[in-house]
Amino acid sequence: MSPKEATPSPPPGTSTSAPPSTSPSDWEPQIGKKRGRPRMNDSEIMHDPGTSKETKSKIIYRRKYAREYREKIRADLQTKEELREMLIRMEVENKQLKTTLDDLRSENHRILNNLVQSSLALQSLAVSRAPFVQQPFLPFNPFPPQP
C-alpha cells in the first residue's frame, strides 16, 4: 500500500491541514479548535489586574480599530452590492428604452411611407382628373398673331 492509502481520513468536522513542521504520521486532527489565542471581553481586560495600562490601551485601541475597519468593509460591500443592483436595473431600463425607440422609429418610418404614398396618389389623381386638351405642338412665337 502507498503512504497516502495508509493514512486514515479524519472524521467530519475536523481540520485537515497539518502544520508544515510535522510529518503526516505525527499529525492528529483537532476538533473544534479556533484560530489564534482566546480573547477576553473588553470589560474583562479593563478590570484585569495582571495587565498593564499601556497593554490595556493598546488592546482596546486595536480592537476598536478592527471593529471600525470591519464596519467600513461591510458598508463598502453593501454599497457595492447596491450599486451593482442599480446597474442591473439601469441596464434593464436601457434595454426597454432601446426597444421602445426602435418601435417608434419603425412606426415613424411606416407613417412617412404612408404619407408619401398618399401624396403621390393624390397627385396622380389630380393629374388624371384635369381636362386633357390635345393641341398640336406649336413652337414658341414671341409675336402673337394680330387680329
N, C-alpha and C. Protein backbone atom coordinates (compact mmCIF):
# COMPACT_ATOMS: atom_id res chain seq x y z
N MET A 1 0.83 -1.19 0.00
CA MET A 1 0.00 0.00 0.00
C MET A 1 0.87 1.25 0.00
N SER A 2 0.38 2.30 -0.63
CA SER A 2 1.12 3.54 -0.67
C SER A 2 0.91 4.31 0.63
N PRO A 3 1.75 5.32 0.94
CA PRO A 3 1.58 6.09 2.18
C PRO A 3 0.27 6.86 2.20
N LYS A 4 -0.22 7.28 1.03
CA LYS A 4 -1.49 8.01 1.01
C LYS A 4 -2.64 7.11 1.41
N GLU A 5 -2.61 5.86 0.96
CA GLU A 5 -3.70 4.94 1.28
C GLU A 5 -3.64 4.51 2.73
N ALA A 6 -2.45 4.52 3.35
CA ALA A 6 -2.31 4.07 4.73
C ALA A 6 -2.78 5.13 5.71
N THR A 7 -2.80 6.41 5.31
CA THR A 7 -3.21 7.47 6.21
C THR A 7 -4.73 7.46 6.34
N PRO A 8 -5.25 7.36 7.57
CA PRO A 8 -6.70 7.35 7.74
C PRO A 8 -7.26 8.75 7.49
N SER A 9 -8.47 8.80 6.98
CA SER A 9 -9.10 10.09 6.75
C SER A 9 -9.66 10.60 8.08
N PRO A 10 -9.58 11.93 8.30
CA PRO A 10 -10.07 12.48 9.57
C PRO A 10 -11.59 12.44 9.61
N PRO A 11 -12.15 12.40 10.81
CA PRO A 11 -13.61 12.41 10.93
C PRO A 11 -14.18 13.74 10.47
N PRO A 12 -15.48 13.77 10.10
CA PRO A 12 -16.07 15.03 9.63
C PRO A 12 -16.02 16.09 10.72
N GLY A 13 -15.85 17.36 10.29
CA GLY A 13 -15.83 18.48 11.22
C GLY A 13 -14.47 18.72 11.82
N THR A 14 -13.44 18.06 11.32
CA THR A 14 -12.10 18.27 11.85
C THR A 14 -11.25 18.99 10.84
N SER A 15 -10.17 19.56 11.31
CA SER A 15 -9.25 20.27 10.44
C SER A 15 -8.38 19.26 9.70
N THR A 16 -8.21 19.44 8.40
CA THR A 16 -7.40 18.51 7.62
C THR A 16 -6.02 19.06 7.32
N SER A 17 -5.73 20.27 7.76
CA SER A 17 -4.43 20.84 7.46
C SER A 17 -3.48 20.54 8.60
N ALA A 18 -2.30 20.12 8.26
CA ALA A 18 -1.28 19.83 9.26
C ALA A 18 -0.26 20.94 9.24
N PRO A 19 0.34 21.23 10.39
CA PRO A 19 1.40 22.24 10.40
C PRO A 19 2.55 21.79 9.52
N PRO A 20 3.25 22.72 8.87
CA PRO A 20 4.30 22.33 7.94
C PRO A 20 5.47 21.60 8.60
N SER A 21 5.71 21.82 9.89
CA SER A 21 6.86 21.21 10.54
C SER A 21 6.63 19.76 10.95
N THR A 22 5.40 19.31 10.93
CA THR A 22 5.12 17.95 11.38
C THR A 22 5.00 17.02 10.20
N SER A 23 5.32 15.78 10.43
CA SER A 23 5.16 14.77 9.38
C SER A 23 3.74 14.23 9.42
N PRO A 24 3.26 13.60 8.36
CA PRO A 24 1.90 13.08 8.35
C PRO A 24 1.65 12.05 9.45
N SER A 25 2.67 11.34 9.89
CA SER A 25 2.44 10.34 10.93
C SER A 25 2.24 10.99 12.30
N ASP A 26 2.81 12.21 12.53
CA ASP A 26 2.65 12.89 13.82
C ASP A 26 1.34 13.65 13.91
N TRP A 27 0.71 13.89 12.80
CA TRP A 27 -0.47 14.75 12.77
C TRP A 27 -1.69 14.04 13.33
N GLU A 28 -2.41 14.76 14.19
CA GLU A 28 -3.68 14.26 14.72
C GLU A 28 -4.71 15.35 14.49
N PRO A 29 -5.91 15.00 14.03
CA PRO A 29 -6.93 16.03 13.80
C PRO A 29 -7.37 16.66 15.11
N GLN A 30 -7.61 17.97 15.04
CA GLN A 30 -8.07 18.70 16.22
C GLN A 30 -9.50 19.14 15.97
N ILE A 31 -10.38 18.78 16.86
CA ILE A 31 -11.80 19.05 16.68
C ILE A 31 -12.16 20.36 17.36
N GLY A 32 -12.80 21.26 16.60
CA GLY A 32 -13.38 22.49 17.14
C GLY A 32 -12.39 23.51 17.64
N LYS A 33 -11.16 23.49 17.21
CA LYS A 33 -10.19 24.48 17.68
C LYS A 33 -10.32 25.74 16.84
N LYS A 34 -10.39 26.89 17.52
CA LYS A 34 -10.44 28.17 16.83
C LYS A 34 -9.02 28.65 16.57
N ARG A 35 -8.89 29.51 15.59
CA ARG A 35 -7.58 30.07 15.30
C ARG A 35 -7.24 31.12 16.34
N GLY A 36 -5.95 31.29 16.60
CA GLY A 36 -5.50 32.36 17.49
C GLY A 36 -5.67 32.03 18.96
N ARG A 37 -5.36 33.02 19.79
CA ARG A 37 -5.48 32.80 21.22
C ARG A 37 -6.86 33.20 21.70
N PRO A 38 -7.30 32.65 22.83
CA PRO A 38 -8.62 33.03 23.33
C PRO A 38 -8.64 34.51 23.71
N ARG A 39 -9.77 35.14 23.51
CA ARG A 39 -9.89 36.57 23.78
C ARG A 39 -10.76 36.81 24.99
N MET A 40 -10.40 37.83 25.73
CA MET A 40 -11.24 38.26 26.84
C MET A 40 -12.08 39.43 26.34
N ASN A 41 -13.21 39.65 26.98
CA ASN A 41 -14.04 40.80 26.63
C ASN A 41 -13.30 42.08 26.99
N ASP A 42 -13.72 43.19 26.40
CA ASP A 42 -13.09 44.47 26.69
C ASP A 42 -13.20 44.82 28.17
N SER A 43 -14.36 44.56 28.76
CA SER A 43 -14.54 44.89 30.19
C SER A 43 -13.65 44.02 31.06
N GLU A 44 -13.45 42.75 30.69
CA GLU A 44 -12.56 41.88 31.46
C GLU A 44 -11.12 42.36 31.37
N ILE A 45 -10.73 42.84 30.21
CA ILE A 45 -9.37 43.36 30.05
C ILE A 45 -9.17 44.59 30.91
N MET A 46 -10.16 45.48 30.93
CA MET A 46 -10.04 46.71 31.71
C MET A 46 -9.91 46.42 33.20
N HIS A 47 -10.53 45.35 33.69
CA HIS A 47 -10.51 45.02 35.12
C HIS A 47 -9.47 43.96 35.47
N ASP A 48 -8.67 43.53 34.50
CA ASP A 48 -7.66 42.51 34.75
C ASP A 48 -6.47 43.15 35.46
N PRO A 49 -6.15 42.69 36.67
CA PRO A 49 -5.03 43.31 37.41
C PRO A 49 -3.67 42.92 36.85
N GLY A 50 -3.58 41.84 36.11
CA GLY A 50 -2.29 41.38 35.59
C GLY A 50 -1.85 42.07 34.32
N THR A 51 -2.68 42.95 33.76
CA THR A 51 -2.37 43.62 32.51
C THR A 51 -2.04 45.08 32.80
N SER A 52 -0.95 45.57 32.20
CA SER A 52 -0.56 46.96 32.43
C SER A 52 -1.51 47.90 31.69
N LYS A 53 -1.50 49.16 32.12
CA LYS A 53 -2.38 50.15 31.49
C LYS A 53 -2.01 50.35 30.02
N GLU A 54 -0.72 50.33 29.75
CA GLU A 54 -0.27 50.51 28.37
C GLU A 54 -0.77 49.37 27.49
N THR A 55 -0.67 48.15 27.97
CA THR A 55 -1.14 46.99 27.22
C THR A 55 -2.65 47.05 27.04
N LYS A 56 -3.36 47.45 28.11
CA LYS A 56 -4.82 47.58 28.03
C LYS A 56 -5.21 48.58 26.95
N SER A 57 -4.55 49.74 26.95
CA SER A 57 -4.92 50.76 25.96
C SER A 57 -4.58 50.29 24.54
N LYS A 58 -3.47 49.57 24.37
CA LYS A 58 -3.14 49.03 23.05
C LYS A 58 -4.19 48.04 22.58
N ILE A 59 -4.58 47.14 23.48
CA ILE A 59 -5.57 46.12 23.12
C ILE A 59 -6.89 46.78 22.75
N ILE A 60 -7.34 47.71 23.60
CA ILE A 60 -8.61 48.40 23.34
C ILE A 60 -8.53 49.17 22.02
N TYR A 61 -7.41 49.87 21.77
CA TYR A 61 -7.26 50.63 20.53
C TYR A 61 -7.30 49.70 19.32
N ARG A 62 -6.57 48.59 19.39
CA ARG A 62 -6.53 47.66 18.26
C ARG A 62 -7.91 47.07 17.99
N ARG A 63 -8.61 46.71 19.06
CA ARG A 63 -9.94 46.13 18.87
C ARG A 63 -10.91 47.16 18.29
N LYS A 64 -10.82 48.39 18.79
CA LYS A 64 -11.69 49.45 18.28
C LYS A 64 -11.40 49.70 16.80
N TYR A 65 -10.11 49.76 16.46
CA TYR A 65 -9.72 49.95 15.06
C TYR A 65 -10.22 48.80 14.20
N ALA A 66 -10.07 47.57 14.69
CA ALA A 66 -10.51 46.39 13.93
C ALA A 66 -12.02 46.42 13.73
N ARG A 67 -12.77 46.79 14.78
CA ARG A 67 -14.24 46.88 14.64
C ARG A 67 -14.62 47.92 13.59
N GLU A 68 -14.00 49.10 13.67
CA GLU A 68 -14.31 50.16 12.71
C GLU A 68 -13.93 49.73 11.29
N TYR A 69 -12.82 49.05 11.16
CA TYR A 69 -12.39 48.59 9.84
C TYR A 69 -13.36 47.56 9.28
N ARG A 70 -13.80 46.62 10.13
CA ARG A 70 -14.79 45.63 9.67
C ARG A 70 -16.10 46.30 9.28
N GLU A 71 -16.52 47.30 10.06
CA GLU A 71 -17.75 48.04 9.73
C GLU A 71 -17.59 48.76 8.39
N LYS A 72 -16.42 49.36 8.18
CA LYS A 72 -16.17 50.06 6.91
C LYS A 72 -16.22 49.08 5.75
N ILE A 73 -15.61 47.92 5.92
CA ILE A 73 -15.63 46.92 4.85
C ILE A 73 -17.06 46.46 4.59
N ARG A 74 -17.84 46.22 5.64
CA ARG A 74 -19.24 45.82 5.45
C ARG A 74 -20.02 46.91 4.72
N ALA A 75 -19.80 48.17 5.13
CA ALA A 75 -20.50 49.27 4.47
C ALA A 75 -20.09 49.37 3.00
N ASP A 76 -18.80 49.20 2.72
CA ASP A 76 -18.33 49.24 1.34
C ASP A 76 -18.93 48.11 0.51
N LEU A 77 -18.99 46.93 1.10
CA LEU A 77 -19.59 45.79 0.39
C LEU A 77 -21.08 46.02 0.14
N GLN A 78 -21.76 46.59 1.13
CA GLN A 78 -23.18 46.87 0.96
C GLN A 78 -23.38 47.92 -0.14
N THR A 79 -22.55 48.96 -0.13
CA THR A 79 -22.64 49.98 -1.17
C THR A 79 -22.35 49.39 -2.54
N LYS A 80 -21.35 48.52 -2.60
CA LYS A 80 -21.01 47.87 -3.87
C LYS A 80 -22.18 47.04 -4.37
N GLU A 81 -22.83 46.30 -3.48
CA GLU A 81 -23.98 45.48 -3.87
C GLU A 81 -25.14 46.35 -4.33
N GLU A 82 -25.38 47.46 -3.62
CA GLU A 82 -26.45 48.38 -4.03
C GLU A 82 -26.15 48.96 -5.42
N LEU A 83 -24.90 49.34 -5.65
CA LEU A 83 -24.52 49.88 -6.96
C LEU A 83 -24.68 48.83 -8.05
N ARG A 84 -24.34 47.58 -7.74
CA ARG A 84 -24.49 46.50 -8.72
C ARG A 84 -25.98 46.32 -9.07
N GLU A 85 -26.85 46.36 -8.04
CA GLU A 85 -28.29 46.22 -8.29
C GLU A 85 -28.80 47.39 -9.12
N MET A 86 -28.33 48.61 -8.80
CA MET A 86 -28.75 49.78 -9.57
C MET A 86 -28.30 49.65 -11.02
N LEU A 87 -27.09 49.16 -11.23
CA LEU A 87 -26.58 48.97 -12.59
C LEU A 87 -27.44 47.98 -13.36
N ILE A 88 -27.82 46.90 -12.71
CA ILE A 88 -28.67 45.90 -13.37
C ILE A 88 -30.01 46.52 -13.74
N ARG A 89 -30.60 47.28 -12.80
CA ARG A 89 -31.88 47.94 -13.10
C ARG A 89 -31.73 48.93 -14.25
N MET A 90 -30.63 49.69 -14.27
CA MET A 90 -30.42 50.66 -15.35
C MET A 90 -30.22 49.96 -16.69
N GLU A 91 -29.52 48.82 -16.68
CA GLU A 91 -29.34 48.08 -17.93
C GLU A 91 -30.67 47.56 -18.46
N VAL A 92 -31.54 47.08 -17.56
CA VAL A 92 -32.86 46.60 -17.98
C VAL A 92 -33.68 47.76 -18.53
N GLU A 93 -33.64 48.90 -17.82
CA GLU A 93 -34.39 50.07 -18.29
C GLU A 93 -33.84 50.56 -19.63
N ASN A 94 -32.53 50.54 -19.78
CA ASN A 94 -31.90 50.96 -21.04
C ASN A 94 -32.35 50.05 -22.19
N LYS A 95 -32.39 48.75 -21.93
CA LYS A 95 -32.83 47.81 -22.96
C LYS A 95 -34.29 48.07 -23.35
N GLN A 96 -35.14 48.34 -22.35
CA GLN A 96 -36.55 48.64 -22.64
C GLN A 96 -36.67 49.93 -23.45
N LEU A 97 -35.88 50.94 -23.09
CA LEU A 97 -35.93 52.21 -23.82
C LEU A 97 -35.44 52.04 -25.26
N LYS A 98 -34.41 51.22 -25.46
CA LYS A 98 -33.94 50.96 -26.82
C LYS A 98 -35.02 50.26 -27.64
N THR A 99 -35.72 49.32 -27.03
CA THR A 99 -36.80 48.62 -27.73
C THR A 99 -37.91 49.61 -28.09
N THR A 100 -38.27 50.47 -27.14
CA THR A 100 -39.30 51.48 -27.40
C THR A 100 -38.86 52.42 -28.51
N LEU A 101 -37.59 52.84 -28.48
CA LEU A 101 -37.08 53.73 -29.52
C LEU A 101 -37.12 53.07 -30.89
N ASP A 102 -36.74 51.81 -30.97
CA ASP A 102 -36.80 51.09 -32.24
C ASP A 102 -38.24 50.98 -32.74
N ASP A 103 -39.17 50.70 -31.83
CA ASP A 103 -40.58 50.62 -32.21
C ASP A 103 -41.08 51.97 -32.74
N LEU A 104 -40.71 53.05 -32.06
CA LEU A 104 -41.15 54.38 -32.50
C LEU A 104 -40.52 54.74 -33.85
N ARG A 105 -39.27 54.37 -34.06
CA ARG A 105 -38.64 54.64 -35.36
C ARG A 105 -39.34 53.89 -36.48
N SER A 106 -39.65 52.63 -36.25
CA SER A 106 -40.32 51.85 -37.30
C SER A 106 -41.72 52.41 -37.55
N GLU A 107 -42.42 52.83 -36.50
CA GLU A 107 -43.75 53.42 -36.68
C GLU A 107 -43.64 54.73 -37.45
N ASN A 108 -42.65 55.55 -37.12
CA ASN A 108 -42.44 56.81 -37.83
C ASN A 108 -42.13 56.54 -39.31
N HIS A 109 -41.30 55.55 -39.59
CA HIS A 109 -40.96 55.20 -40.97
C HIS A 109 -42.21 54.74 -41.72
N ARG A 110 -43.03 53.94 -41.07
CA ARG A 110 -44.27 53.46 -41.70
C ARG A 110 -45.21 54.62 -41.98
N ILE A 111 -45.34 55.55 -41.03
CA ILE A 111 -46.23 56.71 -41.22
C ILE A 111 -45.73 57.58 -42.37
N LEU A 112 -44.42 57.81 -42.42
CA LEU A 112 -43.87 58.62 -43.52
C LEU A 112 -44.08 57.95 -44.87
N ASN A 113 -43.89 56.65 -44.95
CA ASN A 113 -44.14 55.94 -46.20
C ASN A 113 -45.60 56.06 -46.62
N ASN A 114 -46.51 55.91 -45.66
CA ASN A 114 -47.94 56.06 -45.97
C ASN A 114 -48.25 57.47 -46.45
N LEU A 115 -47.63 58.46 -45.83
CA LEU A 115 -47.85 59.85 -46.21
C LEU A 115 -47.34 60.11 -47.64
N VAL A 116 -46.16 59.60 -47.95
CA VAL A 116 -45.61 59.78 -49.30
C VAL A 116 -46.49 59.07 -50.33
N GLN A 117 -46.93 57.86 -50.02
CA GLN A 117 -47.78 57.13 -50.96
C GLN A 117 -49.11 57.85 -51.16
N SER A 118 -49.69 58.38 -50.09
CA SER A 118 -50.97 59.07 -50.25
C SER A 118 -50.79 60.37 -51.02
N SER A 119 -49.67 61.08 -50.81
CA SER A 119 -49.47 62.33 -51.57
C SER A 119 -49.24 62.02 -53.05
N LEU A 120 -48.52 60.93 -53.35
CA LEU A 120 -48.34 60.54 -54.75
C LEU A 120 -49.66 60.12 -55.37
N ALA A 121 -50.48 59.44 -54.61
CA ALA A 121 -51.79 59.03 -55.13
C ALA A 121 -52.66 60.25 -55.39
N LEU A 122 -52.61 61.25 -54.51
CA LEU A 122 -53.39 62.47 -54.73
C LEU A 122 -52.90 63.22 -55.96
N GLN A 123 -51.60 63.28 -56.15
CA GLN A 123 -51.06 63.96 -57.33
C GLN A 123 -51.48 63.25 -58.61
N SER A 124 -51.39 61.94 -58.62
CA SER A 124 -51.78 61.22 -59.84
C SER A 124 -53.28 61.34 -60.06
N LEU A 125 -54.05 61.40 -58.98
CA LEU A 125 -55.49 61.57 -59.10
C LEU A 125 -55.81 62.96 -59.66
N ALA A 126 -55.12 63.98 -59.18
CA ALA A 126 -55.35 65.35 -59.66
C ALA A 126 -54.94 65.48 -61.12
N VAL A 127 -53.89 64.86 -61.52
CA VAL A 127 -53.44 64.93 -62.92
C VAL A 127 -54.42 64.18 -63.80
N SER A 128 -54.90 63.05 -63.37
CA SER A 128 -55.81 62.28 -64.21
C SER A 128 -57.17 62.95 -64.33
N ARG A 129 -57.59 63.75 -63.38
CA ARG A 129 -58.89 64.42 -63.45
C ARG A 129 -58.81 65.75 -64.19
N ALA A 130 -57.64 66.26 -64.44
CA ALA A 130 -57.52 67.53 -65.15
C ALA A 130 -57.94 67.31 -66.60
N PRO A 131 -58.65 68.30 -67.16
CA PRO A 131 -59.06 68.13 -68.56
C PRO A 131 -57.83 68.11 -69.46
N PHE A 132 -57.84 67.16 -70.31
CA PHE A 132 -56.71 67.00 -71.21
C PHE A 132 -57.13 67.50 -72.58
N VAL A 133 -56.46 68.53 -73.02
CA VAL A 133 -56.76 69.11 -74.33
C VAL A 133 -55.60 68.79 -75.24
N GLN A 134 -55.95 68.16 -76.33
CA GLN A 134 -54.90 67.82 -77.27
C GLN A 134 -54.73 68.98 -78.24
N GLN A 135 -53.57 69.52 -78.21
CA GLN A 135 -53.25 70.60 -79.13
C GLN A 135 -51.98 70.20 -79.87
N PRO A 136 -51.92 70.63 -81.12
CA PRO A 136 -50.68 70.32 -81.83
C PRO A 136 -49.55 71.13 -81.23
N PHE A 137 -48.37 70.59 -81.33
CA PHE A 137 -47.22 71.28 -80.78
C PHE A 137 -46.90 72.48 -81.65
N LEU A 138 -46.88 73.61 -81.01
CA LEU A 138 -46.52 74.83 -81.72
C LEU A 138 -45.27 75.40 -81.07
N PRO A 139 -44.32 75.78 -81.89
CA PRO A 139 -43.14 76.38 -81.28
C PRO A 139 -43.50 77.72 -80.68
N PHE A 140 -42.65 78.15 -79.77
CA PHE A 140 -42.90 79.42 -79.11
C PHE A 140 -42.80 80.56 -80.12
N ASN A 141 -43.84 81.38 -80.14
CA ASN A 141 -43.88 82.52 -81.05
C ASN A 141 -43.83 83.78 -80.21
N PRO A 142 -42.74 84.53 -80.31
CA PRO A 142 -42.66 85.74 -79.49
C PRO A 142 -43.64 86.81 -79.96
N PHE A 143 -44.07 86.72 -81.18
CA PHE A 143 -45.01 87.72 -81.68
C PHE A 143 -46.36 87.06 -81.84
N PRO A 144 -47.28 87.36 -80.96
CA PRO A 144 -48.60 86.73 -81.09
C PRO A 144 -49.31 87.22 -82.37
N PRO A 145 -50.17 86.38 -82.92
CA PRO A 145 -50.88 86.80 -84.15
C PRO A 145 -51.80 87.99 -83.88
N GLN A 146 -51.93 88.83 -84.88
CA GLN A 146 -52.75 90.03 -84.74
C GLN A 146 -54.13 89.78 -85.31
N PRO A 147 -55.13 90.26 -84.72
CA PRO A 147 -56.48 90.05 -85.26
C PRO A 147 -56.84 91.00 -86.35
